[in-house]
């Protein structure tokens, strides 16, 4: 494998690493139930499955 002929500077290394930081997930509030959930993900409220503020699936009745 080829090896670099000269050492890369710390500035060049740091420029490459600028996008490597961790990010917090985007959160949204459901307009129908008022719960906080992650964007573009289905979420459960009292056993019922919701997506985009609409009930997608009913929970099992016990």
PDB file of N, CA and C in Angstrom:
ATOM      1  N   UNK A   1       0.836  -1.186   0.000  1.00  0.00           N
ATOM      2  CA  UNK A   1       0.000   0.000   0.000  1.00  0.00           C
ATOM      3  C   UNK A   1       0.879   1.247   0.000  1.00  0.00           C
ATOM      4  N   UNK A   2       0.432   2.277  -0.690  1.00  0.00           N
ATOM      5  CA  UNK A   2       1.236   3.499  -0.717  1.00  0.00           C
ATOM      6  C   UNK A   2       1.162   4.244   0.611  1.00  0.00           C
ATOM      7  N   UNK A   3       2.248   4.898   0.934  1.00  0.00           N
ATOM      8  CA  UNK A   3       2.324   5.700   2.152  1.00  0.00           C
ATOM      9  C   UNK A   3       2.554   7.152   1.773  1.00  0.00           C
ATOM     10  N   UNK A   4       2.067   8.080   2.588  1.00  0.00           N
ATOM     11  CA  UNK A   4       2.291   9.489   2.260  1.00  0.00           C
ATOM     12  C   UNK A   4       3.769   9.852   2.355  1.00  0.00           C
ATOM     13  N   UNK A   5       4.206  10.666   1.408  1.00  0.00           N
ATOM     14  CA  UNK A   5       5.614  11.074   1.398  1.00  0.00           C
ATOM     15  C   UNK A   5       5.881  12.107   2.476  1.00  0.00           C
ATOM     16  N   UNK A   6       4.897  12.991   2.711  1.00  0.00           N
ATOM     17  CA  UNK A   6       5.043  14.014   3.727  1.00  0.00           C
ATOM     18  C   UNK A   6       3.887  13.912   4.731  1.00  0.00           C
ATOM     19  N   UNK A   7       4.140  14.388   5.926  1.00  0.00           N
ATOM     20  CA  UNK A   7       3.130  14.366   6.973  1.00  0.00           C
ATOM     21  C   UNK A   7       2.055  15.419   6.689  1.00  0.00           C
ATOM     22  N   UNK A   8       0.778  15.063   6.929  1.00  0.00           N
ATOM     23  CA  UNK A   8      -0.301  16.042   6.793  1.00  0.00           C
ATOM     24  C   UNK A   8      -0.318  16.919   8.036  1.00  0.00           C
ATOM     25  N   UNK A   9      -0.587  18.189   7.843  1.00  0.00           N
ATOM     26  CA  UNK A   9      -0.615  19.117   8.971  1.00  0.00           C
ATOM     27  C   UNK A   9      -1.855  18.874   9.830  1.00  0.00           C
ATOM     28  N   UNK A  10      -1.790  19.377  11.059  1.00  0.00           N
ATOM     29  CA  UNK A  10      -2.929  19.207  11.962  1.00  0.00           C
ATOM     30  C   UNK A  10      -4.142  19.978  11.448  1.00  0.00           C
ATOM     31  N   UNK A  11      -3.935  21.093  10.762  1.00  0.00           N
ATOM     32  CA  UNK A  11      -5.041  21.859  10.198  1.00  0.00           C
ATOM     33  C   UNK A  11      -5.760  21.043   9.141  1.00  0.00           C
ATOM     34  N   UNK A  12      -4.995  20.383   8.296  1.00  0.00           N
ATOM     35  CA  UNK A  12      -5.585  19.567   7.240  1.00  0.00           C
ATOM     36  C   UNK A  12      -6.357  18.387   7.840  1.00  0.00           C
ATOM     37  N   UNK A  13      -5.794  17.790   8.876  1.00  0.00           N
ATOM     38  CA  UNK A  13      -6.467  16.686   9.572  1.00  0.00           C
ATOM     39  C   UNK A  13      -7.772  17.164  10.202  1.00  0.00           C
ATOM     40  N   UNK A  14      -7.734  18.327  10.861  1.00  0.00           N
ATOM     41  CA  UNK A  14      -8.909  18.849  11.542  1.00  0.00           C
ATOM     42  C   UNK A  14     -10.004  19.264  10.565  1.00  0.00           C
ATOM     43  N   UNK A  15      -9.629  19.753   9.388  1.00  0.00           N
ATOM     44  CA  UNK A  15     -10.625  20.090   8.369  1.00  0.00           C
ATOM     45  C   UNK A  15     -11.391  18.845   7.936  1.00  0.00           C
ATOM     46  N   UNK A  16     -10.700  17.740   7.835  1.00  0.00           N
ATOM     47  CA  UNK A  16     -11.340  16.492   7.447  1.00  0.00           C
ATOM     48  C   UNK A  16     -12.295  15.999   8.532  1.00  0.00           C
ATOM     49  N   UNK A  17     -11.977  16.252   9.790  1.00  0.00           N
ATOM     50  CA  UNK A  17     -12.764  15.732  10.906  1.00  0.00           C
ATOM     51  C   UNK A  17     -13.912  16.640  11.338  1.00  0.00           C
ATOM     52  N   UNK A  18     -14.153  17.733  10.647  1.00  0.00           N
ATOM     53  CA  UNK A  18     -15.188  18.675  11.081  1.00  0.00           C
ATOM     54  C   UNK A  18     -16.575  18.064  11.056  1.00  0.00           C
ATOM     55  N   UNK A  19     -16.819  17.070  10.207  1.00  0.00           N
ATOM     56  CA  UNK A  19     -18.150  16.487  10.073  1.00  0.00           C
ATOM     57  C   UNK A  19     -18.318  15.219  10.897  1.00  0.00           C
ATOM     58  N   UNK A  20     -17.340  14.854  11.710  1.00  0.00           N
ATOM     59  CA  UNK A  20     -17.381  13.601  12.447  1.00  0.00           C
ATOM     60  C   UNK A  20     -18.036  13.711  13.817  1.00  0.00           C
ATOM     61  N   UNK A  21     -18.552  14.861  14.172  1.00  0.00           N
ATOM     62  CA  UNK A  21     -19.121  15.025  15.509  1.00  0.00           C
ATOM     63  C   UNK A  21     -20.502  14.372  15.593  1.00  0.00           C
ATOM     64  N   UNK A  22     -20.882  13.973  16.782  1.00  0.00           N
ATOM     65  CA  UNK A  22     -22.196  13.363  17.004  1.00  0.00           C
ATOM     66  C   UNK A  22     -23.262  14.447  17.025  1.00  0.00           C
ATOM     67  N   UNK A  23     -24.438  14.112  16.521  1.00  0.00           N
ATOM     68  CA  UNK A  23     -25.543  15.071  16.505  1.00  0.00           C
ATOM     69  C   UNK A  23     -26.716  14.518  17.292  1.00  0.00           C
ATOM     70  N   UNK A  24     -27.456  15.403  17.925  1.00  0.00           N
ATOM     71  CA  UNK A  24     -28.658  15.002  18.644  1.00  0.00           C
ATOM     72  C   UNK A  24     -29.780  14.740  17.643  1.00  0.00           C
ATOM     73  N   UNK A  25     -30.641  13.758  17.908  1.00  0.00           N
ATOM     74  CA  UNK A  25     -31.739  13.490  16.979  1.00  0.00           C
ATOM     75  C   UNK A  25     -32.770  14.611  17.007  1.00  0.00           C
ATOM     76  N   UNK A  26     -33.381  14.869  15.852  1.00  0.00           N
ATOM     77  CA  UNK A  26     -34.415  15.880  15.758  1.00  0.00           C
ATOM     78  C   UNK A  26     -35.692  15.358  16.400  1.00  0.00           C
ATOM     79  N   UNK A  27     -36.301  16.149  17.260  1.00  0.00           N
ATOM     80  CA  UNK A  27     -37.521  15.755  17.941  1.00  0.00           C
ATOM     81  C   UNK A  27     -38.687  16.609  17.468  1.00  0.00           C
ATOM     82  N   UNK A  28     -39.872  16.014  17.487  1.00  0.00           N
ATOM     83  CA  UNK A  28     -41.080  16.727  17.081  1.00  0.00           C
ATOM     84  C   UNK A  28     -42.188  16.440  18.089  1.00  0.00           C
ATOM     85  N   UNK A  29     -43.182  17.307  18.112  1.00  0.00           N
ATOM     86  CA  UNK A  29     -44.341  17.108  18.983  1.00  0.00           C
ATOM     87  C   UNK A  29     -45.519  16.698  18.111  1.00  0.00           C
ATOM     88  N   UNK A  30     -46.169  15.625  18.492  1.00  0.00           N
ATOM     89  CA  UNK A  30     -47.309  15.110  17.728  1.00  0.00           C
ATOM     90  C   UNK A  30     -48.495  16.068  17.874  1.00  0.00           C
ATOM     91  N   UNK A  31     -49.118  16.467  16.765  1.00  0.00           N
ATOM     92  CA  UNK A  31     -50.251  17.386  16.865  1.00  0.00           C
ATOM     93  C   UNK A  31     -51.498  16.738  17.469  1.00  0.00           C
ATOM     94  N   UNK A  32     -51.659  15.417  17.317  1.00  0.00           N
ATOM     95  CA  UNK A  32     -52.878  14.777  17.819  1.00  0.00           C
ATOM     96  C   UNK A  32     -52.728  14.275  19.254  1.00  0.00           C
ATOM     97  N   UNK A  33     -51.555  13.716  19.621  1.00  0.00           N
ATOM     98  CA  UNK A  33     -51.402  13.167  20.969  1.00  0.00           C
ATOM     99  C   UNK A  33     -50.587  14.056  21.897  1.00  0.00           C
ATOM    100  N   UNK A  34     -49.761  14.929  21.336  1.00  0.00           N
ATOM    101  CA  UNK A  34     -48.947  15.824  22.150  1.00  0.00           C
ATOM    102  C   UNK A  34     -47.667  15.194  22.683  1.00  0.00           C
ATOM    103  N   UNK A  35     -47.337  13.989  22.240  1.00  0.00           N
ATOM    104  CA  UNK A  35     -46.107  13.333  22.706  1.00  0.00           C
ATOM    105  C   UNK A  35     -44.913  13.777  21.870  1.00  0.00           C
ATOM    106  N   UNK A  36     -43.744  13.693  22.478  1.00  0.00           N
ATOM    107  CA  UNK A  36     -42.507  14.017  21.784  1.00  0.00           C
ATOM    108  C   UNK A  36     -41.969  12.741  21.153  1.00  0.00           C
ATOM    109  N   UNK A  37     -41.576  12.812  19.876  1.00  0.00           N
ATOM    110  CA  UNK A  37     -41.056  11.641  19.174  1.00  0.00           C
ATOM    111  C   UNK A  37     -39.971  12.065  18.195  1.00  0.00           C
ATOM    112  N   UNK A  38     -39.259  11.086  17.640  1.00  0.00           N
ATOM    113  CA  UNK A  38     -38.196  11.348  16.668  1.00  0.00           C
ATOM    114  C   UNK A  38     -38.842  11.532  15.298  1.00  0.00           C
ATOM    115  N   UNK A  39     -38.355  12.509  14.522  1.00  0.00           N
ATOM    116  CA  UNK A  39     -38.867  12.765  13.176  1.00  0.00           C
ATOM    117  C   UNK A  39     -38.787  11.520  12.308  1.00  0.00           C
ATOM    118  N   UNK A  40     -39.758  11.314  11.447  1.00  0.00           N
ATOM    119  CA  UNK A  40     -39.792  10.240  10.448  1.00  0.00           C
ATOM    120  C   UNK A  40     -39.724   8.854  11.066  1.00  0.00           C
ATOM    121  N   UNK A  41     -40.268   8.698  12.278  1.00  0.00           N
ATOM    122  CA  UNK A  41     -40.311   7.393  12.924  1.00  0.00           C
ATOM    123  C   UNK A  41     -41.708   7.191  13.515  1.00  0.00           C
ATOM    124  N   UNK A  42     -42.185   5.972  13.448  1.00  0.00           N
ATOM    125  CA  UNK A  42     -43.454   5.641  14.088  1.00  0.00           C
ATOM    126  C   UNK A  42     -43.225   5.559  15.592  1.00  0.00           C
ATOM    127  N   UNK A  43     -44.275   5.821  16.378  1.00  0.00           N
ATOM    128  CA  UNK A  43     -44.139   5.837  17.828  1.00  0.00           C
ATOM    129  C   UNK A  43     -45.422   5.325  18.470  1.00  0.00           C
ATOM    130  N   UNK A  44     -45.267   4.714  19.648  1.00  0.00           N
ATOM    131  CA  UNK A  44     -46.386   4.146  20.382  1.00  0.00           C
ATOM    132  C   UNK A  44     -46.895   5.121  21.429  1.00  0.00           C
ATOM    133  N   UNK A  45     -48.212   5.213  21.547  1.00  0.00           N
ATOM    134  CA  UNK A  45     -48.868   5.965  22.609  1.00  0.00           C
ATOM    135  C   UNK A  45     -49.995   5.088  23.134  1.00  0.00           C
ATOM    136  N   UNK A  46     -49.877   4.649  24.379  1.00  0.00           N
ATOM    137  CA  UNK A  46     -50.875   3.786  25.021  1.00  0.00           C
ATOM    138  C   UNK A  46     -51.155   2.526  24.195  1.00  0.00           C
ATOM    139  N   UNK A  47     -50.120   1.950  23.617  1.00  0.00           N
ATOM    140  CA  UNK A  47     -50.271   0.704  22.862  1.00  0.00           C
ATOM    141  C   UNK A  47     -50.669   0.884  21.411  1.00  0.00           C
ATOM    142  N   UNK A  48     -51.041   2.086  20.990  1.00  0.00           N
ATOM    143  CA  UNK A  48     -51.404   2.344  19.601  1.00  0.00           C
ATOM    144  C   UNK A  48     -50.202   2.922  18.859  1.00  0.00           C
ATOM    145  N   UNK A  49     -50.057   2.527  17.604  1.00  0.00           N
ATOM    146  CA  UNK A  49     -48.936   2.982  16.794  1.00  0.00           C
ATOM    147  C   UNK A  49     -49.361   4.195  15.965  1.00  0.00           C
ATOM    148  N   UNK A  50     -48.586   5.279  16.046  1.00  0.00           N
ATOM    149  CA  UNK A  50     -48.864   6.514  15.315  1.00  0.00           C
ATOM    150  C   UNK A  50     -47.719   6.839  14.369  1.00  0.00           C
ATOM    151  N   UNK A  51     -48.063   7.482  13.243  1.00  0.00           N
ATOM    152  CA  UNK A  51     -47.062   7.990  12.310  1.00  0.00           C
ATOM    153  C   UNK A  51     -47.625   9.224  11.639  1.00  0.00           C
ATOM    154  N   UNK A  52     -46.874  10.302  11.654  1.00  0.00           N
ATOM    155  CA  UNK A  52     -47.306  11.593  11.094  1.00  0.00           C
ATOM    156  C   UNK A  52     -48.617  12.077  11.694  1.00  0.00           C
ATOM    157  N   UNK A  53     -48.814  11.840  12.998  1.00  0.00           N
ATOM    158  CA  UNK A  53     -49.993  12.332  13.694  1.00  0.00           C
ATOM    159  C   UNK A  53     -51.248  11.510  13.485  1.00  0.00           C
ATOM    160  N   UNK A  54     -51.151  10.410  12.718  1.00  0.00           N
ATOM    161  CA  UNK A  54     -52.324   9.576  12.467  1.00  0.00           C
ATOM    162  C   UNK A  54     -52.110   8.195  13.062  1.00  0.00           C
ATOM    163  N   UNK A  55     -53.185   7.603  13.540  1.00  0.00           N
ATOM    164  CA  UNK A  55     -53.086   6.265  14.109  1.00  0.00           C
ATOM    165  C   UNK A  55     -52.958   5.266  12.954  1.00  0.00           C
ATOM    166  N   UNK A  56     -51.893   4.480  13.008  1.00  0.00           N
ATOM    167  CA  UNK A  56     -51.613   3.510  11.957  1.00  0.00           C
ATOM    168  C   UNK A  56     -52.128   2.128  12.350  1.00  0.00           C
ATOM    169  N   UNK A  57     -51.908   1.758  13.602  1.00  0.00           N
ATOM    170  CA  UNK A  57     -52.309   0.436  14.066  1.00  0.00           C
ATOM    171  C   UNK A  57     -52.847   0.526  15.473  1.00  0.00           C
ATOM    172  N   UNK A  58     -53.892  -0.233  15.735  1.00  0.00           N
ATOM    173  CA  UNK A  58     -54.460  -0.273  17.076  1.00  0.00           C
ATOM    174  C   UNK A  58     -53.699  -1.287  17.916  1.00  0.00           C
ATOM    175  N   UNK A  59     -53.616  -1.004  19.205  1.00  0.00           N
ATOM    176  CA  UNK A  59     -52.963  -1.922  20.121  1.00  0.00           C
ATOM    177  C   UNK A  59     -53.845  -3.100  20.445  1.00  0.00           C
ATOM    178  N   UNK A  60     -53.254  -4.108  21.023  1.00  0.00           N
ATOM    179  CA  UNK A  60     -54.001  -5.309  21.400  1.00  0.00           C
ATOM    180  C   UNK A  60     -54.882  -4.996  22.608  1.00  0.00           C
ATOM    181  N   UNK A  61     -56.131  -5.371  22.552  1.00  0.00           N
ATOM    182  CA  UNK A  61     -57.050  -5.167  23.666  1.00  0.00           C
ATOM    183  C   UNK A  61     -56.902  -6.314  24.651  1.00  0.00           C
ATOM    184  N   UNK A  62     -56.680  -5.989  25.900  1.00  0.00           N
ATOM    185  CA  UNK A  62     -56.473  -7.032  26.908  1.00  0.00           C
ATOM    186  C   UNK A  62     -57.757  -7.397  27.617  1.00  0.00           C
TER     187      UNK A  62
END
